[in-house]
Amino acid sequence: MKELTLREYVDQYCLEHDLATRTIEHYRASVVSFDKWRGQPVFLAELADDLVNRFLADQKADAFAAATIRSKRTDILCLWRAAVEVNLVEHLPARVRRIKLPSQIPCAWSIEEIKRLITSAESINTWTADGLHRGRLLTAFVRVAYDTALRRGDLLALGTSQIDDEGFVDLTQNKTATGHIVKLSAVTLVAVLATLADRKRQLIFDQKPAWFNDWWGKLLVKAQLRKGPREMQQKMRRSAASHAERERTGSGRHLLGHKSHGLAEKHYLDPRICREVISPPEID
């Protein structure tokens, strides 16, 4: 039987599992990085704790971000364990160094800041080349993003048939393949119907992702909010979950569609919004 390289095994692994295109690309990029560091393709039979540990140590020495190194570690170990399950490798990883990430407190927008985003969207009075009023489309986008806390991919895939007359939205989350139900407020439902009146379509937000990224940045500027990679639609997901959690404990996790406990609090819920901050007694 021909000995497989780790890169060749990626193709086999991806055929055996129902993976998103982005996930497949992620695995391949991690293996390419591993091969490049080694200077030649890494064979499955060569996988060893020492080899992976030296790779990770050199990545750190080369000043790669801790999150990037941890991601590569996760991908390589996942493939290694999968290869053991199908008897292509004899031994499991045992003592592979862990990568610690700096802890970041989730940061969300206040209700006043979200209102400024909506006002900024409402102020736009231009049309797209395919017959959509930009202001109405962006207003609906911001409002639906807040009401549902959906991931961007799920938001952009939202079909008109998935929303009923009362504003309930029934979907299957793309990332987890689990069912999820959220509800639009009455004012958001009106905003959605307003943009759909411009042109009938199957998808509510049928512009390209890059279009929404570009206009999201413009809305931030108009609303006088900070721009940056952590200020995109993902921050609205954190914001919606944080304000839901403030209303009722546990609501944030359910709005996010998370099954596991702790994930929302660690990565999404802004404690300044959803948790009372206790201070010592004031000194006169």
Protein backbone atom coordinates (compact mmCIF):
# COMPACT_ATOMS: atom_id res chain seq x y z
CA MET A 1 0.00 0.00 0.00
CA LYS A 2 1.33 3.40 -0.99
CA GLU A 3 2.38 5.63 1.89
CA LEU A 4 0.29 8.77 1.95
CA THR A 5 1.52 12.26 2.63
CA LEU A 6 -0.50 14.42 4.99
CA ARG A 7 -1.45 16.61 2.02
CA GLU A 8 -2.79 13.59 0.12
CA TYR A 9 -4.73 12.47 3.17
CA VAL A 10 -6.48 15.85 3.38
CA ASP A 11 -8.19 15.08 0.06
CA GLN A 12 -9.27 11.64 1.31
CA TYR A 13 -10.49 13.07 4.63
CA CYS A 14 -12.53 15.78 2.91
CA LEU A 15 -14.23 13.23 0.67
CA GLU A 16 -15.24 11.21 3.72
CA HIS A 17 -16.71 14.17 5.60
CA ASP A 18 -19.34 16.77 4.74
CA LEU A 19 -17.25 19.90 5.18
CA ALA A 20 -17.74 23.52 4.17
CA THR A 21 -15.46 24.77 1.39
CA ARG A 22 -13.88 27.22 3.79
CA THR A 23 -13.04 24.42 6.23
CA ILE A 24 -11.42 22.34 3.49
CA GLU A 25 -9.29 25.30 2.42
CA HIS A 26 -8.30 25.82 6.05
CA TYR A 27 -7.06 22.24 6.42
CA ARG A 28 -5.09 22.45 3.19
CA ALA A 29 -3.48 25.75 4.14
CA SER A 30 -2.33 24.33 7.49
CA VAL A 31 -0.79 21.27 5.84
CA VAL A 32 0.93 23.41 3.19
CA SER A 33 2.44 25.50 5.99
CA PHE A 34 3.61 22.31 7.75
CA ASP A 35 5.19 20.99 4.53
CA LYS A 36 6.84 24.33 3.79
CA TRP A 37 8.40 24.39 7.25
CA ARG A 38 9.65 20.80 6.82
CA GLY A 39 11.04 21.55 3.37
CA GLN A 40 9.31 18.50 1.90
CA PRO A 41 5.93 16.73 2.14
CA VAL A 42 5.21 15.23 5.56
CA PHE A 43 4.18 11.58 5.37
CA LEU A 44 1.55 10.18 7.74
CA ALA A 45 4.08 7.64 8.99
CA GLU A 46 6.34 10.51 10.10
CA LEU A 47 3.80 12.16 12.38
CA ALA A 48 5.25 12.45 15.86
CA ASP A 49 4.86 14.72 18.87
CA ASP A 50 8.42 16.01 18.52
CA LEU A 51 7.94 16.94 14.85
CA VAL A 52 4.73 18.87 15.48
CA ASN A 53 6.18 20.54 18.59
CA ARG A 54 9.21 21.80 16.66
CA PHE A 55 6.90 23.14 13.94
CA LEU A 56 4.79 25.01 16.49
CA ALA A 57 7.85 26.36 18.30
CA ASP A 58 9.33 27.69 15.05
CA GLN A 59 6.00 29.28 14.12
CA LYS A 60 6.08 31.14 17.42
CA ALA A 61 9.71 32.16 16.86
CA ASP A 62 8.70 33.52 13.44
CA ALA A 63 6.18 35.79 15.21
CA PHE A 64 3.01 34.18 13.87
CA ALA A 65 -0.08 35.17 15.86
CA ALA A 66 -1.00 32.76 18.65
CA ALA A 67 -4.46 32.27 17.12
CA THR A 68 -2.89 31.30 13.78
CA ILE A 69 -0.52 28.80 15.39
CA ARG A 70 -3.31 27.31 17.47
CA SER A 71 -5.46 26.93 14.38
CA LYS A 72 -2.69 25.05 12.54
CA ARG A 73 -2.18 22.82 15.57
CA THR A 74 -5.89 22.01 15.69
CA ASP A 75 -6.01 21.13 11.99
CA ILE A 76 -2.92 18.90 12.05
CA LEU A 77 -4.03 17.03 15.17
CA CYS A 78 -7.52 16.54 13.77
CA LEU A 79 -6.12 14.95 10.62
CA TRP A 80 -3.67 12.88 12.64
CA ARG A 81 -6.42 11.47 14.88
CA ALA A 82 -8.62 10.76 11.87
CA ALA A 83 -5.78 8.87 10.21
CA VAL A 84 -5.43 6.72 13.34
CA GLU A 85 -9.15 5.88 13.20
CA VAL A 86 -8.78 4.44 9.68
CA ASN A 87 -5.54 2.59 10.59
CA LEU A 88 -3.24 4.76 8.47
CA VAL A 89 -1.25 5.83 11.55
CA GLU A 90 -0.54 3.59 14.52
CA HIS A 91 -0.27 6.08 17.38
CA LEU A 92 -2.25 9.07 18.58
CA PRO A 93 -0.68 12.44 19.46
CA ALA A 94 0.22 12.44 23.15
CA ARG A 95 2.33 15.42 24.24
CA VAL A 96 1.82 18.19 21.72
CA ARG A 97 2.34 21.63 23.24
CA ARG A 98 -0.76 23.74 23.83
CA ILE A 99 -1.02 27.27 22.47
CA LYS A 100 -2.38 29.83 24.91
CA LEU A 101 -4.39 32.70 23.51
CA PRO A 102 -4.57 36.12 25.14
CA SER A 103 -7.97 36.54 26.75
CA GLN A 104 -10.19 39.19 25.18
CA ILE A 105 -13.31 40.58 26.82
CA PRO A 106 -16.17 40.61 24.27
CA CYS A 107 -17.10 44.11 23.19
CA ALA A 108 -20.58 45.02 21.97
CA TRP A 109 -22.39 48.16 20.84
CA SER A 110 -24.81 49.97 23.10
CA ILE A 111 -28.44 50.41 22.07
CA GLU A 112 -27.70 54.08 21.32
CA GLU A 113 -24.85 53.08 18.98
CA ILE A 114 -27.04 50.55 17.18
CA LYS A 115 -29.69 53.23 16.72
CA ARG A 116 -27.02 55.44 15.13
CA LEU A 117 -26.23 52.63 12.67
CA ILE A 118 -29.91 52.33 11.77
CA THR A 119 -30.25 56.10 11.37
CA SER A 120 -27.19 56.12 9.11
CA ALA A 121 -28.73 53.41 6.94
CA GLU A 122 -32.06 55.23 6.76
CA SER A 123 -30.33 58.41 5.57
CA ILE A 124 -29.02 56.79 2.37
CA ASN A 125 -31.21 57.68 -0.62
CA THR A 126 -29.58 56.01 -3.62
CA TRP A 127 -30.36 52.95 -5.74
CA THR A 128 -28.36 49.91 -6.82
CA ALA A 129 -27.97 49.09 -10.50
CA ASP A 130 -30.38 46.14 -10.11
CA GLY A 131 -33.21 48.22 -8.70
CA LEU A 132 -32.88 48.20 -4.91
CA HIS A 133 -33.08 51.26 -2.69
CA ARG A 134 -29.81 51.13 -0.75
CA GLY A 135 -31.20 52.80 2.35
CA ARG A 136 -34.11 50.41 2.70
CA LEU A 137 -31.91 47.39 2.03
CA LEU A 138 -29.26 48.44 4.55
CA THR A 139 -31.86 49.39 7.17
CA ALA A 140 -33.39 45.93 6.89
CA PHE A 141 -29.92 44.35 7.03
CA VAL A 142 -28.94 46.14 10.25
CA ARG A 143 -32.28 45.50 11.90
CA VAL A 144 -32.43 41.79 10.96
CA ALA A 145 -28.81 41.34 12.07
CA TYR A 146 -29.70 42.81 15.48
CA ASP A 147 -32.99 40.93 15.96
CA THR A 148 -31.60 37.54 14.98
CA ALA A 149 -27.87 37.62 15.89
CA LEU A 150 -27.31 35.40 12.86
CA ARG A 151 -23.87 34.68 11.45
CA ARG A 152 -23.20 36.62 8.27
CA GLY A 153 -23.44 33.53 6.05
CA ASP A 154 -26.86 32.64 7.46
CA LEU A 155 -28.00 36.24 7.20
CA LEU A 156 -27.05 36.50 3.53
CA ALA A 157 -28.68 33.12 2.77
CA LEU A 158 -31.96 34.17 4.36
CA GLY A 159 -34.82 33.51 1.95
CA THR A 160 -38.12 35.36 1.79
CA SER A 161 -40.00 32.09 2.30
CA GLN A 162 -38.30 31.54 5.68
CA ILE A 163 -40.14 34.44 7.35
CA ASP A 164 -43.77 33.99 8.30
CA ASP A 165 -46.42 36.68 8.77
CA GLU A 166 -45.63 37.02 12.48
CA GLY A 167 -41.91 37.52 11.89
CA PHE A 168 -40.71 34.06 12.92
CA VAL A 169 -37.64 32.90 11.01
CA ASP A 170 -37.00 29.17 10.66
CA LEU A 171 -33.55 28.16 9.41
CA THR A 172 -30.79 25.58 9.57
CA GLN A 173 -27.50 27.12 10.67
CA ASN A 174 -24.85 26.54 8.02
CA LYS A 175 -21.96 26.20 10.46
CA THR A 176 -23.55 23.64 12.77
CA ALA A 177 -26.31 22.16 10.56
CA THR A 178 -28.73 22.59 13.48
CA GLY A 179 -32.22 24.03 13.36
CA HIS A 180 -32.78 27.49 14.78
CA ILE A 181 -35.79 29.79 15.21
CA VAL A 182 -35.57 33.54 15.76
CA LYS A 183 -38.17 36.31 15.60
CA LEU A 184 -38.16 39.70 13.93
CA SER A 185 -39.72 42.64 15.72
CA ALA A 186 -42.72 44.34 14.11
CA VAL A 187 -40.61 47.31 13.00
CA THR A 188 -37.96 45.02 11.48
CA LEU A 189 -40.61 43.05 9.62
CA VAL A 190 -41.89 46.32 8.13
CA ALA A 191 -38.31 47.19 7.07
CA VAL A 192 -37.92 43.80 5.37
CA LEU A 193 -41.22 44.16 3.51
CA ALA A 194 -40.19 47.66 2.41
CA THR A 195 -37.00 46.46 0.71
CA LEU A 196 -38.78 43.44 -0.81
CA ALA A 197 -41.30 45.81 -2.38
CA ASP A 198 -38.48 47.32 -4.49
CA ARG A 199 -37.88 44.07 -6.36
CA LYS A 200 -39.20 40.54 -5.89
CA ARG A 201 -36.42 38.08 -5.08
CA GLN A 202 -35.75 34.77 -3.34
CA LEU A 203 -33.01 36.07 -1.04
CA ILE A 204 -33.67 39.14 1.06
CA PHE A 205 -30.04 40.26 0.97
CA ASP A 206 -29.00 39.15 -2.51
CA GLN A 207 -26.03 41.46 -2.98
CA LYS A 208 -22.49 40.03 -2.78
CA PRO A 209 -20.80 39.75 0.65
CA ALA A 210 -18.19 42.31 -0.42
CA TRP A 211 -20.99 44.81 -1.12
CA PHE A 212 -22.29 44.51 2.43
CA ASN A 213 -18.76 44.72 3.87
CA ASP A 214 -18.13 47.92 1.94
CA TRP A 215 -21.38 49.55 2.97
CA TRP A 216 -21.03 48.38 6.57
CA GLY A 217 -17.79 50.35 6.74
CA LYS A 218 -19.56 53.39 5.31
CA LEU A 219 -22.34 53.07 7.89
CA LEU A 220 -19.77 52.98 10.70
CA VAL A 221 -18.24 56.21 9.41
CA LYS A 222 -21.65 57.92 9.09
CA ALA A 223 -22.58 56.76 12.59
CA GLN A 224 -19.22 58.00 13.92
CA LEU A 225 -18.32 54.54 15.19
CA ARG A 226 -14.87 52.98 15.15
CA LYS A 227 -13.88 50.95 12.09
CA GLY A 228 -11.80 47.77 12.17
CA PRO A 229 -11.88 44.00 11.67
CA ARG A 230 -13.70 43.51 14.99
CA GLU A 231 -16.33 46.14 14.14
CA MET A 232 -18.03 44.21 11.32
CA GLN A 233 -21.29 42.23 11.37
CA GLN A 234 -19.85 39.81 13.95
CA LYS A 235 -19.97 42.65 16.47
CA MET A 236 -23.71 42.98 15.87
CA ARG A 237 -24.01 39.28 16.74
CA ARG A 238 -22.18 39.95 20.01
CA SER A 239 -24.30 43.04 20.64
CA ALA A 240 -27.64 41.31 20.08
CA ALA A 241 -26.65 38.41 22.34
CA SER A 242 -25.39 40.76 25.07
CA HIS A 243 -28.62 42.80 25.14
CA ALA A 244 -30.75 39.63 25.07
CA GLU A 245 -28.76 38.28 28.02
CA ARG A 246 -29.35 41.53 29.89
CA GLU A 247 -33.09 41.03 29.50
CA ARG A 248 -33.03 37.42 30.74
CA THR A 249 -30.20 35.17 31.85
CA GLY A 250 -29.54 32.43 29.31
CA SER A 251 -31.26 34.25 26.43
CA GLY A 252 -27.96 35.26 24.83
CA ARG A 253 -26.84 31.67 24.28
CA HIS A 254 -30.22 30.68 22.86
CA LEU A 255 -30.31 33.66 20.49
CA LEU A 256 -26.85 32.72 19.21
CA GLY A 257 -28.01 29.17 18.56
CA HIS A 258 -25.32 27.66 20.79
CA LYS A 259 -25.81 24.23 22.31
CA SER A 260 -22.75 24.26 24.55
CA HIS A 261 -22.59 26.29 27.73
CA GLY A 262 -19.79 28.80 28.32
CA LEU A 263 -19.05 29.62 24.68
CA ALA A 264 -21.35 32.64 24.63
CA GLU A 265 -20.00 34.08 27.87
CA LYS A 266 -16.39 33.61 26.78
CA HIS A 267 -16.63 35.02 23.25
CA TYR A 268 -19.88 36.94 22.81
CA LEU A 269 -21.43 38.42 25.95
CA ASP A 270 -20.12 41.86 26.88
CA PRO A 271 -20.08 41.94 30.71
CA ARG A 272 -20.45 45.73 30.67
CA ILE A 273 -23.90 45.25 29.14
CA CYS A 274 -25.27 41.98 30.49
CA ARG A 275 -23.66 41.75 33.91
CA GLU A 276 -23.72 44.14 36.83
CA VAL A 277 -20.22 45.42 37.51
CA ILE A 278 -19.64 45.51 41.26
CA SER A 279 -17.45 48.32 42.61
CA PRO A 280 -16.13 48.84 46.13
CA PRO A 281 -17.84 51.45 48.30
CA GLU A 282 -17.23 55.00 47.12
CA ILE A 283 -14.79 57.03 49.22
CA ASP A 284 -15.67 60.68 49.78
